[in-house]
Amino acid sequence: MTDDGDRSNDDPDTDANAEWPVSLSGVTESVVATLGPNGLWNLAALGLFAAERGDHPVTARTWGNTRTRRNFHRQGEGYVQFVDDPLVFADAALSIVEREKPVLESANAWVRVSVERIDSGTDDGTDWEEWALRPLESVIETETVPTIDRGFGAVVEATVAASRLDVPGYDEERLRERLAYCDSVVDRAGSQREREALERVREHSAW
């Protein structure tokens, strides 16, 4: 394995026919589990950028010197999971969550991916790295009828805004206005679980 997080093509656990368990378009929010040096799996939010063409990989970016970035370099892989529990997502996005096992009980589907760093740079003083994600194995745990939930969407947007509050290059006043709007959406259209998730956003951030 190289320092860039490349994974050997001779890995016996790699399935050449493995595919993503869900269709991806635009930017899809997920929770990724990566193995840390302490032997525990760290959870974090990870935005997945859909492939522009069929021969291009799905990509994701890590921002700053996060556990996910370091574990990608260290291990060269992770477990990407698709969840619809707002509390699980808020905790993963804004706090340190470590577990003994990588796959969440609330995951509707998951995919073990190899990761390869393909680009890097700095944006407004924050270092970023771009990764190509390729599926090694995947499982669909549950199948549900799709629904549109404004409350859950507002929680996701709140985690993004809250994570940028103390980051140079972002307008704090505009971020707080966005958080206030997300709060109003959850208050009007969210479930009790989503209201609890928004409280977690407050607890885990400078909001």
N, C-alpha and C. Protein backbone atom coordinates (compact mmCIF):
# COMPACT_ATOMS: atom_id res chain seq x y z
N MET A 1 0.84 -1.19 0.00
CA MET A 1 0.00 0.00 0.00
C MET A 1 0.87 1.24 0.00
N THR A 2 0.61 2.18 -0.83
CA THR A 2 1.40 3.39 -0.90
C THR A 2 0.88 4.41 0.09
N ASP A 3 1.67 5.47 0.30
CA ASP A 3 1.26 6.53 1.22
C ASP A 3 0.04 7.27 0.73
N ASP A 4 -0.22 7.22 -0.56
CA ASP A 4 -1.39 7.90 -1.13
C ASP A 4 -2.68 7.14 -0.90
N GLY A 5 -2.59 5.98 -0.27
CA GLY A 5 -3.81 5.24 0.01
C GLY A 5 -4.18 4.26 -1.07
N ASP A 6 -3.26 3.93 -1.99
CA ASP A 6 -3.55 2.97 -3.03
C ASP A 6 -3.72 1.59 -2.43
N ARG A 7 -4.61 0.79 -3.00
CA ARG A 7 -4.85 -0.57 -2.53
C ARG A 7 -4.39 -1.54 -3.60
N SER A 8 -3.73 -2.58 -3.19
CA SER A 8 -3.21 -3.55 -4.15
C SER A 8 -4.32 -4.21 -4.93
N ASN A 9 -4.09 -4.40 -6.23
CA ASN A 9 -5.07 -5.09 -7.08
C ASN A 9 -5.14 -6.58 -6.77
N ASP A 10 -4.15 -7.07 -5.97
CA ASP A 10 -4.12 -8.50 -5.65
C ASP A 10 -4.86 -8.81 -4.35
N ASP A 11 -5.53 -7.84 -3.78
CA ASP A 11 -6.26 -8.04 -2.53
C ASP A 11 -7.29 -9.14 -2.72
N PRO A 12 -7.22 -10.24 -1.95
CA PRO A 12 -8.16 -11.35 -2.14
C PRO A 12 -9.59 -11.00 -1.81
N ASP A 13 -9.81 -9.91 -1.02
CA ASP A 13 -11.17 -9.53 -0.65
C ASP A 13 -11.84 -8.65 -1.69
N THR A 14 -11.11 -8.26 -2.73
CA THR A 14 -11.66 -7.38 -3.75
C THR A 14 -12.53 -8.15 -4.72
N ASP A 15 -13.74 -7.65 -4.94
CA ASP A 15 -14.67 -8.24 -5.91
C ASP A 15 -14.67 -7.37 -7.15
N ALA A 16 -14.14 -7.89 -8.25
CA ALA A 16 -14.03 -7.10 -9.47
C ALA A 16 -15.39 -6.67 -10.00
N ASN A 17 -16.46 -7.37 -9.58
CA ASN A 17 -17.81 -7.06 -10.06
C ASN A 17 -18.62 -6.25 -9.05
N ALA A 18 -17.99 -5.83 -7.97
CA ALA A 18 -18.71 -5.07 -6.95
C ALA A 18 -19.21 -3.75 -7.52
N GLU A 19 -20.41 -3.35 -7.08
CA GLU A 19 -21.01 -2.11 -7.55
C GLU A 19 -21.55 -1.32 -6.36
N TRP A 20 -21.84 -0.05 -6.61
CA TRP A 20 -22.48 0.76 -5.58
C TRP A 20 -23.88 0.22 -5.34
N PRO A 21 -24.32 0.15 -4.09
CA PRO A 21 -25.63 -0.46 -3.80
C PRO A 21 -26.81 0.46 -4.09
N VAL A 22 -26.54 1.74 -4.37
CA VAL A 22 -27.58 2.70 -4.70
C VAL A 22 -27.13 3.52 -5.90
N SER A 23 -28.09 4.12 -6.58
CA SER A 23 -27.77 5.02 -7.69
C SER A 23 -27.36 6.38 -7.12
N LEU A 24 -26.26 6.93 -7.61
CA LEU A 24 -25.76 8.20 -7.13
C LEU A 24 -25.92 9.27 -8.18
N SER A 25 -26.31 10.47 -7.74
CA SER A 25 -26.40 11.61 -8.64
C SER A 25 -26.09 12.87 -7.83
N GLY A 26 -25.49 13.84 -8.48
CA GLY A 26 -25.13 15.06 -7.76
C GLY A 26 -24.20 14.74 -6.62
N VAL A 27 -24.50 15.28 -5.43
CA VAL A 27 -23.73 15.00 -4.23
C VAL A 27 -24.63 14.26 -3.25
N THR A 28 -24.26 13.05 -2.90
CA THR A 28 -25.05 12.22 -1.99
C THR A 28 -24.35 12.17 -0.63
N GLU A 29 -25.08 12.49 0.42
CA GLU A 29 -24.50 12.47 1.76
C GLU A 29 -24.49 11.05 2.31
N SER A 30 -23.37 10.70 2.93
CA SER A 30 -23.23 9.36 3.50
C SER A 30 -22.46 9.47 4.82
N VAL A 31 -22.35 8.33 5.50
CA VAL A 31 -21.51 8.21 6.69
C VAL A 31 -20.43 7.20 6.36
N VAL A 32 -19.16 7.57 6.61
CA VAL A 32 -18.06 6.67 6.30
C VAL A 32 -17.40 6.22 7.60
N ALA A 33 -17.06 4.94 7.66
CA ALA A 33 -16.32 4.38 8.79
C ALA A 33 -14.91 4.05 8.33
N THR A 34 -13.91 4.56 9.05
CA THR A 34 -12.51 4.27 8.73
C THR A 34 -11.81 3.77 9.99
N LEU A 35 -10.89 2.84 9.80
CA LEU A 35 -10.22 2.20 10.94
C LEU A 35 -9.05 3.04 11.41
N GLY A 36 -9.08 3.40 12.70
CA GLY A 36 -8.02 4.22 13.26
C GLY A 36 -6.91 3.39 13.87
N PRO A 37 -5.80 4.04 14.27
CA PRO A 37 -4.66 3.32 14.85
C PRO A 37 -4.98 2.71 16.21
N ASN A 38 -6.08 3.14 16.84
CA ASN A 38 -6.50 2.56 18.12
C ASN A 38 -7.36 1.32 17.95
N GLY A 39 -7.56 0.88 16.69
CA GLY A 39 -8.35 -0.31 16.45
C GLY A 39 -9.84 -0.08 16.44
N LEU A 40 -10.28 1.17 16.53
CA LEU A 40 -11.70 1.51 16.50
C LEU A 40 -12.05 2.16 15.17
N TRP A 41 -13.33 2.04 14.80
CA TRP A 41 -13.81 2.60 13.55
C TRP A 41 -14.39 3.99 13.82
N ASN A 42 -13.84 4.98 13.15
CA ASN A 42 -14.30 6.36 13.29
C ASN A 42 -15.38 6.65 12.25
N LEU A 43 -16.47 7.30 12.70
CA LEU A 43 -17.56 7.66 11.80
C LEU A 43 -17.48 9.14 11.46
N ALA A 44 -17.76 9.47 10.21
CA ALA A 44 -17.78 10.86 9.76
C ALA A 44 -18.72 10.98 8.57
N ALA A 45 -19.23 12.19 8.37
CA ALA A 45 -20.04 12.44 7.18
C ALA A 45 -19.12 12.56 5.98
N LEU A 46 -19.60 12.09 4.82
CA LEU A 46 -18.80 12.15 3.60
C LEU A 46 -19.72 12.38 2.41
N GLY A 47 -19.50 13.48 1.70
CA GLY A 47 -20.28 13.76 0.49
C GLY A 47 -19.70 13.03 -0.70
N LEU A 48 -20.54 12.28 -1.41
CA LEU A 48 -20.11 11.50 -2.56
C LEU A 48 -20.49 12.22 -3.85
N PHE A 49 -19.49 12.50 -4.69
CA PHE A 49 -19.73 13.15 -5.96
C PHE A 49 -19.90 12.08 -7.04
N ALA A 50 -21.07 12.06 -7.67
CA ALA A 50 -21.37 11.04 -8.66
C ALA A 50 -20.40 11.12 -9.83
N ALA A 51 -20.09 9.97 -10.41
CA ALA A 51 -19.20 9.92 -11.56
C ALA A 51 -19.81 10.66 -12.75
N GLU A 52 -18.99 11.45 -13.44
CA GLU A 52 -19.48 12.19 -14.60
C GLU A 52 -19.75 11.27 -15.77
N ARG A 53 -18.97 10.19 -15.88
CA ARG A 53 -19.17 9.20 -16.93
C ARG A 53 -19.04 7.83 -16.31
N GLY A 54 -19.50 6.84 -17.04
CA GLY A 54 -19.47 5.49 -16.52
C GLY A 54 -18.08 4.97 -16.20
N ASP A 55 -17.06 5.49 -16.90
CA ASP A 55 -15.70 5.01 -16.68
C ASP A 55 -14.95 5.82 -15.63
N HIS A 56 -15.63 6.80 -15.01
CA HIS A 56 -15.03 7.61 -13.96
C HIS A 56 -15.48 7.09 -12.60
N PRO A 57 -14.61 7.18 -11.59
CA PRO A 57 -15.01 6.73 -10.25
C PRO A 57 -15.83 7.78 -9.50
N VAL A 58 -16.55 7.35 -8.50
CA VAL A 58 -17.16 8.26 -7.54
C VAL A 58 -16.02 8.91 -6.75
N THR A 59 -16.17 10.19 -6.41
CA THR A 59 -15.12 10.88 -5.68
C THR A 59 -15.67 11.51 -4.39
N ALA A 60 -14.77 11.87 -3.51
CA ALA A 60 -15.12 12.56 -2.26
C ALA A 60 -13.93 13.41 -1.85
N ARG A 61 -14.19 14.43 -1.03
CA ARG A 61 -13.12 15.29 -0.53
C ARG A 61 -13.08 15.25 0.99
N THR A 62 -11.87 15.24 1.51
CA THR A 62 -11.66 15.43 2.94
C THR A 62 -11.07 16.82 3.12
N TRP A 63 -11.50 17.51 4.19
CA TRP A 63 -11.08 18.88 4.45
C TRP A 63 -10.32 18.93 5.76
N GLY A 64 -9.09 19.44 5.72
CA GLY A 64 -8.28 19.54 6.92
C GLY A 64 -7.66 18.20 7.29
N ASN A 65 -7.01 18.20 8.44
CA ASN A 65 -6.30 17.00 8.90
C ASN A 65 -7.22 16.16 9.77
N THR A 66 -8.26 15.61 9.15
CA THR A 66 -9.27 14.86 9.89
C THR A 66 -8.85 13.41 10.10
N ARG A 67 -9.58 12.74 10.99
CA ARG A 67 -9.34 11.30 11.19
C ARG A 67 -9.61 10.53 9.90
N THR A 68 -10.65 10.92 9.17
CA THR A 68 -10.96 10.22 7.92
C THR A 68 -9.79 10.33 6.95
N ARG A 69 -9.25 11.53 6.79
CA ARG A 69 -8.10 11.71 5.89
C ARG A 69 -6.94 10.84 6.32
N ARG A 70 -6.59 10.89 7.60
CA ARG A 70 -5.44 10.12 8.08
C ARG A 70 -5.68 8.62 7.94
N ASN A 71 -6.90 8.18 8.22
CA ASN A 71 -7.20 6.75 8.10
C ASN A 71 -7.24 6.30 6.65
N PHE A 72 -7.69 7.17 5.75
CA PHE A 72 -7.62 6.84 4.32
C PHE A 72 -6.17 6.58 3.92
N HIS A 73 -5.27 7.46 4.34
CA HIS A 73 -3.86 7.27 4.02
C HIS A 73 -3.33 5.99 4.66
N ARG A 74 -3.73 5.74 5.89
CA ARG A 74 -3.20 4.62 6.66
C ARG A 74 -3.72 3.28 6.15
N GLN A 75 -5.02 3.22 5.83
CA GLN A 75 -5.66 1.94 5.52
C GLN A 75 -5.99 1.76 4.04
N GLY A 76 -6.25 2.87 3.34
CA GLY A 76 -6.58 2.76 1.92
C GLY A 76 -7.98 2.27 1.63
N GLU A 77 -8.85 2.29 2.64
CA GLU A 77 -10.22 1.86 2.41
C GLU A 77 -11.14 2.35 3.53
N GLY A 78 -12.43 2.12 3.36
CA GLY A 78 -13.41 2.48 4.37
C GLY A 78 -14.76 1.88 4.02
N TYR A 79 -15.72 2.05 4.92
CA TYR A 79 -17.08 1.56 4.70
C TYR A 79 -18.01 2.76 4.55
N VAL A 80 -18.54 2.96 3.35
CA VAL A 80 -19.49 4.03 3.09
C VAL A 80 -20.89 3.49 3.34
N GLN A 81 -21.67 4.24 4.15
CA GLN A 81 -22.98 3.77 4.56
C GLN A 81 -24.06 4.81 4.28
N PHE A 82 -25.22 4.32 3.92
CA PHE A 82 -26.34 5.18 3.59
C PHE A 82 -27.38 5.04 4.70
N VAL A 83 -27.60 6.15 5.41
CA VAL A 83 -28.48 6.14 6.58
C VAL A 83 -29.57 7.20 6.42
N ASP A 84 -30.69 6.99 7.10
CA ASP A 84 -31.75 7.99 7.09
C ASP A 84 -32.12 8.40 8.51
N ASP A 85 -31.22 8.13 9.46
CA ASP A 85 -31.44 8.54 10.84
C ASP A 85 -30.73 9.87 11.07
N PRO A 86 -31.46 10.95 11.32
CA PRO A 86 -30.83 12.26 11.44
C PRO A 86 -29.89 12.38 12.63
N LEU A 87 -30.18 11.67 13.73
CA LEU A 87 -29.30 11.71 14.90
C LEU A 87 -27.95 11.08 14.58
N VAL A 88 -27.98 9.96 13.91
CA VAL A 88 -26.74 9.28 13.53
C VAL A 88 -25.91 10.18 12.62
N PHE A 89 -26.59 10.83 11.66
CA PHE A 89 -25.86 11.69 10.72
C PHE A 89 -25.26 12.90 11.43
N ALA A 90 -26.04 13.54 12.31
CA ALA A 90 -25.54 14.73 13.01
C ALA A 90 -24.35 14.40 13.89
N ASP A 91 -24.41 13.29 14.60
CA ASP A 91 -23.29 12.90 15.45
C ASP A 91 -22.04 12.61 14.61
N ALA A 92 -22.21 11.90 13.50
CA ALA A 92 -21.07 11.57 12.65
C ALA A 92 -20.46 12.82 12.03
N ALA A 93 -21.31 13.78 11.67
CA ALA A 93 -20.84 14.97 10.97
C ALA A 93 -20.08 15.92 11.88
N LEU A 94 -20.48 16.00 13.16
CA LEU A 94 -19.97 17.08 13.99
C LEU A 94 -19.29 16.64 15.29
N SER A 95 -19.20 15.36 15.55
CA SER A 95 -18.55 14.92 16.78
C SER A 95 -17.66 13.72 16.49
N ILE A 96 -16.92 13.29 17.50
CA ILE A 96 -16.06 12.12 17.36
C ILE A 96 -16.84 10.89 17.81
N VAL A 97 -17.10 10.00 16.87
CA VAL A 97 -17.83 8.76 17.17
C VAL A 97 -16.93 7.60 16.75
N GLU A 98 -16.62 6.71 17.71
CA GLU A 98 -15.78 5.54 17.43
C GLU A 98 -16.50 4.29 17.89
N ARG A 99 -16.38 3.24 17.09
CA ARG A 99 -17.08 1.99 17.36
C ARG A 99 -16.14 0.81 17.13
N GLU A 100 -16.55 -0.35 17.68
CA GLU A 100 -15.75 -1.55 17.48
C GLU A 100 -16.01 -2.19 16.13
N LYS A 101 -17.19 -1.93 15.55
CA LYS A 101 -17.53 -2.50 14.24
C LYS A 101 -17.82 -1.38 13.26
N PRO A 102 -17.54 -1.59 11.98
CA PRO A 102 -17.68 -0.50 11.01
C PRO A 102 -19.10 -0.21 10.56
N VAL A 103 -19.94 -1.23 10.45
CA VAL A 103 -21.27 -1.05 9.84
C VAL A 103 -22.30 -0.73 10.91
N LEU A 104 -23.03 0.36 10.71
CA LEU A 104 -24.06 0.80 11.64
C LEU A 104 -25.30 -0.08 11.55
N GLU A 105 -25.97 -0.25 12.69
CA GLU A 105 -27.24 -0.98 12.68
C GLU A 105 -28.29 -0.24 11.85
N SER A 106 -28.16 1.07 11.75
CA SER A 106 -29.14 1.88 11.02
C SER A 106 -28.83 2.02 9.54
N ALA A 107 -27.76 1.40 9.06
CA ALA A 107 -27.40 1.52 7.64
C ALA A 107 -28.41 0.77 6.78
N ASN A 108 -28.99 1.47 5.81
CA ASN A 108 -29.89 0.81 4.86
C ASN A 108 -29.11 0.05 3.79
N ALA A 109 -27.90 0.52 3.53
CA ALA A 109 -27.00 -0.16 2.59
C ALA A 109 -25.59 0.31 2.90
N TRP A 110 -24.59 -0.50 2.54
CA TRP A 110 -23.21 -0.10 2.76
C TRP A 110 -22.33 -0.67 1.66
N VAL A 111 -21.18 -0.06 1.50
CA VAL A 111 -20.23 -0.52 0.50
C VAL A 111 -18.81 -0.31 1.04
N ARG A 112 -18.03 -1.35 1.00
CA ARG A 112 -16.61 -1.22 1.35
C ARG A 112 -15.88 -0.72 0.11
N VAL A 113 -15.12 0.34 0.27
CA VAL A 113 -14.47 0.96 -0.88
C VAL A 113 -12.96 1.04 -0.68
N SER A 114 -12.23 0.95 -1.77
CA SER A 114 -10.82 1.32 -1.76
C SER A 114 -10.75 2.81 -2.09
N VAL A 115 -9.75 3.48 -1.58
CA VAL A 115 -9.61 4.91 -1.82
C VAL A 115 -8.22 5.21 -2.39
N GLU A 116 -8.19 6.16 -3.31
CA GLU A 116 -6.94 6.58 -3.93
C GLU A 116 -6.94 8.10 -4.04
N ARG A 117 -5.93 8.74 -3.48
CA ARG A 117 -5.86 10.20 -3.58
C ARG A 117 -5.55 10.59 -5.01
N ILE A 118 -6.36 11.48 -5.59
CA ILE A 118 -6.17 11.87 -6.99
C ILE A 118 -5.90 13.36 -7.15
N ASP A 119 -6.10 14.14 -6.08
CA ASP A 119 -5.85 15.58 -6.19
C ASP A 119 -5.77 16.16 -4.78
N SER A 120 -5.21 17.35 -4.67
CA SER A 120 -5.14 18.04 -3.39
C SER A 120 -4.96 19.52 -3.65
N GLY A 121 -5.23 20.33 -2.64
CA GLY A 121 -5.08 21.77 -2.79
C GLY A 121 -5.44 22.48 -1.50
N THR A 122 -5.54 23.79 -1.58
CA THR A 122 -5.91 24.62 -0.43
C THR A 122 -6.99 25.60 -0.85
N ASP A 123 -8.04 25.71 -0.05
CA ASP A 123 -9.15 26.61 -0.35
C ASP A 123 -9.39 27.48 0.88
N ASP A 124 -9.17 28.80 0.74
CA ASP A 124 -9.35 29.73 1.86
C ASP A 124 -8.60 29.29 3.11
N GLY A 125 -7.38 28.79 2.91
CA GLY A 125 -6.54 28.42 4.03
C GLY A 125 -6.74 27.01 4.55
N THR A 126 -7.70 26.27 4.00
CA THR A 126 -7.95 24.90 4.45
C THR A 126 -7.47 23.90 3.40
N ASP A 127 -6.60 22.98 3.81
CA ASP A 127 -6.11 21.95 2.89
C ASP A 127 -7.21 20.93 2.62
N TRP A 128 -7.29 20.48 1.36
CA TRP A 128 -8.24 19.44 1.02
C TRP A 128 -7.55 18.38 0.16
N GLU A 129 -8.12 17.20 0.17
CA GLU A 129 -7.65 16.11 -0.69
C GLU A 129 -8.86 15.47 -1.34
N GLU A 130 -8.72 15.14 -2.60
CA GLU A 130 -9.79 14.47 -3.34
C GLU A 130 -9.43 13.01 -3.54
N TRP A 131 -10.44 12.17 -3.34
CA TRP A 131 -10.23 10.72 -3.37
C TRP A 131 -11.15 10.05 -4.39
N ALA A 132 -10.63 9.07 -5.09
CA ALA A 132 -11.45 8.20 -5.93
C ALA A 132 -11.85 7.00 -5.09
N LEU A 133 -13.15 6.69 -5.10
CA LEU A 133 -13.69 5.58 -4.30
C LEU A 133 -14.17 4.49 -5.25
N ARG A 134 -13.67 3.28 -5.02
CA ARG A 134 -14.06 2.15 -5.87
C ARG A 134 -14.61 1.02 -5.00
N PRO A 135 -15.79 0.50 -5.34
CA PRO A 135 -16.42 -0.52 -4.49
C PRO A 135 -15.68 -1.85 -4.53
N LEU A 136 -15.55 -2.45 -3.34
CA LEU A 136 -14.95 -3.77 -3.19
C LEU A 136 -15.99 -4.82 -2.86
N GLU A 137 -16.98 -4.44 -2.06
CA GLU A 137 -18.12 -5.31 -1.75
C GLU A 137 -19.24 -4.42 -1.25
N SER A 138 -20.47 -4.84 -1.44
CA SER A 138 -21.60 -4.02 -1.01
C SER A 138 -22.77 -4.90 -0.61
N VAL A 139 -23.61 -4.32 0.28
CA VAL A 139 -24.78 -5.04 0.78
C VAL A 139 -25.94 -4.06 0.92
N ILE A 140 -27.12 -4.46 0.48
CA ILE A 140 -28.35 -3.73 0.74
C ILE A 140 -29.03 -4.40 1.92
N GLU A 141 -29.15 -3.66 3.02
CA GLU A 141 -29.74 -4.23 4.24
C GLU A 141 -31.25 -4.14 4.24
N THR A 142 -31.79 -2.98 3.79
CA THR A 142 -33.23 -2.79 3.77
C THR A 142 -33.63 -2.06 2.51
N GLU A 143 -34.84 -2.30 2.06
CA GLU A 143 -35.40 -1.57 0.93
C GLU A 143 -36.64 -0.82 1.42
N THR A 144 -36.69 0.46 1.13
CA THR A 144 -37.80 1.28 1.59
C THR A 144 -38.42 2.04 0.43
N VAL A 145 -39.65 2.47 0.61
CA VAL A 145 -40.30 3.33 -0.37
C VAL A 145 -39.75 4.74 -0.19
N PRO A 146 -39.22 5.38 -1.24
CA PRO A 146 -38.63 6.72 -1.08
C PRO A 146 -39.67 7.74 -0.62
N THR A 147 -39.26 8.59 0.30
CA THR A 147 -40.08 9.71 0.75
C THR A 147 -39.24 10.97 0.74
N ILE A 148 -39.90 12.12 0.67
CA ILE A 148 -39.20 13.41 0.70
C ILE A 148 -39.43 14.03 2.06
N ASP A 149 -38.35 14.24 2.81
CA ASP A 149 -38.44 14.71 4.18
C ASP A 149 -37.69 16.04 4.30
N ARG A 150 -38.40 17.14 4.41
CA ARG A 150 -37.77 18.45 4.51
C ARG A 150 -36.98 18.59 5.81
N GLY A 151 -37.46 17.96 6.86
CA GLY A 151 -36.77 18.05 8.14
C GLY A 151 -35.39 17.43 8.09
N PHE A 152 -35.28 16.26 7.48
CA PHE A 152 -33.98 15.60 7.38
C PHE A 152 -33.03 16.41 6.51
N GLY A 153 -33.55 16.94 5.41
CA GLY A 153 -32.72 17.78 4.55
C GLY A 153 -32.19 19.00 5.29
N ALA A 154 -33.04 19.59 6.15
CA ALA A 154 -32.62 20.76 6.91
C ALA A 154 -31.54 20.40 7.93
N VAL A 155 -31.63 19.20 8.52
CA VAL A 155 -30.59 18.76 9.45
C VAL A 155 -29.26 18.62 8.73
N VAL A 156 -29.28 18.03 7.54
CA VAL A 156 -28.05 17.88 6.75
C VAL A 156 -27.44 19.25 6.46
N GLU A 157 -28.27 20.20 6.00
CA GLU A 157 -27.77 21.54 5.70
C GLU A 157 -27.24 22.22 6.95
N ALA A 158 -27.87 21.98 8.09
CA ALA A 158 -27.41 22.57 9.34
C ALA A 158 -26.03 22.04 9.73
N THR A 159 -25.79 20.75 9.52
CA THR A 159 -24.47 20.20 9.85
C THR A 159 -23.39 20.84 8.99
N VAL A 160 -23.70 21.08 7.72
CA VAL A 160 -22.71 21.70 6.82
C VAL A 160 -22.41 23.12 7.29
N ALA A 161 -23.44 23.90 7.57
CA ALA A 161 -23.25 25.29 8.01
C ALA A 161 -22.52 25.34 9.35
N ALA A 162 -22.91 24.49 10.29
CA ALA A 162 -22.30 24.51 11.61
C ALA A 162 -20.83 24.14 11.56
N SER A 163 -20.47 23.21 10.66
CA SER A 163 -19.08 22.78 10.57
C SER A 163 -18.17 23.88 10.02
N ARG A 164 -18.76 24.91 9.40
CA ARG A 164 -17.97 25.98 8.80
C ARG A 164 -17.91 27.26 9.64
N LEU A 165 -18.54 27.25 10.81
CA LEU A 165 -18.66 28.47 11.59
C LEU A 165 -17.31 29.09 11.97
N ASP A 166 -16.35 28.27 12.32
CA ASP A 166 -15.05 28.78 12.74
C ASP A 166 -13.97 28.62 11.67
N VAL A 167 -14.40 28.41 10.43
CA VAL A 167 -13.44 28.20 9.34
C VAL A 167 -13.20 29.52 8.61
N PRO A 168 -11.94 29.98 8.50
CA PRO A 168 -11.67 31.21 7.76
C PRO A 168 -12.16 31.11 6.32
N GLY A 169 -12.63 32.21 5.79
CA GLY A 169 -13.11 32.21 4.42
C GLY A 169 -14.62 32.11 4.29
N TYR A 170 -15.31 31.78 5.40
CA TYR A 170 -16.76 31.71 5.37
C TYR A 170 -17.35 32.88 6.17
N ASP A 171 -18.45 33.40 5.69
CA ASP A 171 -19.12 34.52 6.32
C ASP A 171 -19.98 33.99 7.48
N GLU A 172 -19.58 34.28 8.71
CA GLU A 172 -20.27 33.72 9.87
C GLU A 172 -21.71 34.20 9.95
N GLU A 173 -21.97 35.46 9.61
CA GLU A 173 -23.33 35.97 9.67
C GLU A 173 -24.25 35.20 8.72
N ARG A 174 -23.77 34.95 7.51
CA ARG A 174 -24.59 34.20 6.55
C ARG A 174 -24.81 32.77 7.01
N LEU A 175 -23.78 32.17 7.61
CA LEU A 175 -23.93 30.80 8.11
C LEU A 175 -24.98 30.74 9.21
N ARG A 176 -24.97 31.73 10.10
CA ARG A 176 -25.94 31.74 11.19
C ARG A 176 -27.36 31.99 10.66
N GLU A 177 -27.46 32.77 9.60
CA GLU A 177 -28.77 32.96 8.97
C GLU A 177 -29.27 31.64 8.37
N ARG A 178 -28.36 30.89 7.78
CA ARG A 178 -28.73 29.59 7.21
C ARG A 178 -29.16 28.64 8.33
N LEU A 179 -28.44 28.66 9.44
CA LEU A 179 -28.81 27.80 10.56
C LEU A 179 -30.18 28.16 11.12
N ALA A 180 -30.45 29.46 11.19
CA ALA A 180 -31.77 29.90 11.68
C ALA A 180 -32.86 29.41 10.74
N TYR A 181 -32.60 29.44 9.44
CA TYR A 181 -33.60 28.95 8.48
C TYR A 181 -33.80 27.44 8.65
N CYS A 182 -32.71 26.70 8.79
CA CYS A 182 -32.82 25.25 9.00
C CYS A 182 -33.62 24.95 10.26
N ASP A 183 -33.38 25.74 11.29
CA ASP A 183 -34.11 25.57 12.54
C ASP A 183 -35.61 25.75 12.33
N SER A 184 -35.97 26.76 11.53
CA SER A 184 -37.39 27.02 11.28
C SER A 184 -38.03 25.90 10.47
N VAL A 185 -37.27 25.32 9.53
CA VAL A 185 -37.80 24.22 8.72
C VAL A 185 -38.05 23.00 9.60
N VAL A 186 -37.07 22.67 10.44
CA VAL A 186 -37.23 21.51 11.32
C VAL A 186 -38.38 21.73 12.29
N ASP A 187 -38.52 22.95 12.78
CA ASP A 187 -39.61 23.25 13.71
C ASP A 187 -40.97 23.05 13.05
N ARG A 188 -41.08 23.42 11.77
CA ARG A 188 -42.37 23.31 11.07
C ARG A 188 -42.61 21.92 10.49
N ALA A 189 -41.55 21.33 9.92
CA ALA A 189 -41.75 20.14 9.11
C ALA A 189 -41.02 18.90 9.61
N GLY A 190 -40.25 19.03 10.69
CA GLY A 190 -39.45 17.90 11.14
C GLY A 190 -40.15 17.01 12.14
N SER A 191 -39.61 15.82 12.29
CA SER A 191 -40.10 14.87 13.29
C SER A 191 -39.39 15.13 14.62
N GLN A 192 -39.81 14.44 15.65
CA GLN A 192 -39.15 14.57 16.95
C GLN A 192 -37.69 14.15 16.85
N ARG A 193 -37.41 13.12 16.06
CA ARG A 193 -36.03 12.66 15.87
C ARG A 193 -35.19 13.75 15.22
N GLU A 194 -35.76 14.46 14.30
CA GLU A 194 -35.02 15.53 13.62
C GLU A 194 -34.82 16.73 14.53
N ARG A 195 -35.79 17.00 15.41
CA ARG A 195 -35.59 18.08 16.39
C ARG A 195 -34.46 17.72 17.36
N GLU A 196 -34.41 16.46 17.75
CA GLU A 196 -33.32 16.03 18.62
C GLU A 196 -31.98 16.13 17.89
N ALA A 197 -31.98 15.81 16.61
CA ALA A 197 -30.74 15.90 15.82
C ALA A 197 -30.26 17.33 15.73
N LEU A 198 -31.19 18.28 15.58
CA LEU A 198 -30.79 19.68 15.50
C LEU A 198 -30.20 20.15 16.82
N GLU A 199 -30.69 19.62 17.93
CA GLU A 199 -30.10 19.95 19.23
C GLU A 199 -28.67 19.41 19.31
N ARG A 200 -28.43 18.25 18.70
CA ARG A 200 -27.08 17.71 18.65
C ARG A 200 -26.16 18.63 17.85
N VAL A 201 -26.69 19.21 16.77
CA VAL A 201 -25.91 20.15 15.98
C VAL A 201 -25.47 21.32 16.87
N ARG A 202 -26.39 21.81 17.70
CA ARG A 202 -26.04 22.91 18.62
C ARG A 202 -24.97 22.46 19.61
N GLU A 203 -25.13 21.26 20.15
CA GLU A 203 -24.19 20.77 21.16
C GLU A 203 -22.79 20.57 20.61
N HIS A 204 -22.71 20.12 19.34
CA HIS A 204 -21.42 19.75 18.76
C HIS A 204 -20.71 20.90 18.05
N SER A 205 -21.30 22.10 18.05
CA SER A 205 -20.74 23.19 17.25
C SER A 205 -20.74 24.50 18.02
N ALA A 206 -20.29 25.56 17.34
CA ALA A 206 -20.27 26.90 17.94
C ALA A 206 -21.56 27.66 17.69
N TRP A 207 -22.61 26.97 17.24
CA TRP A 207 -23.89 27.61 16.92
C TRP A 207 -24.53 28.12 18.20
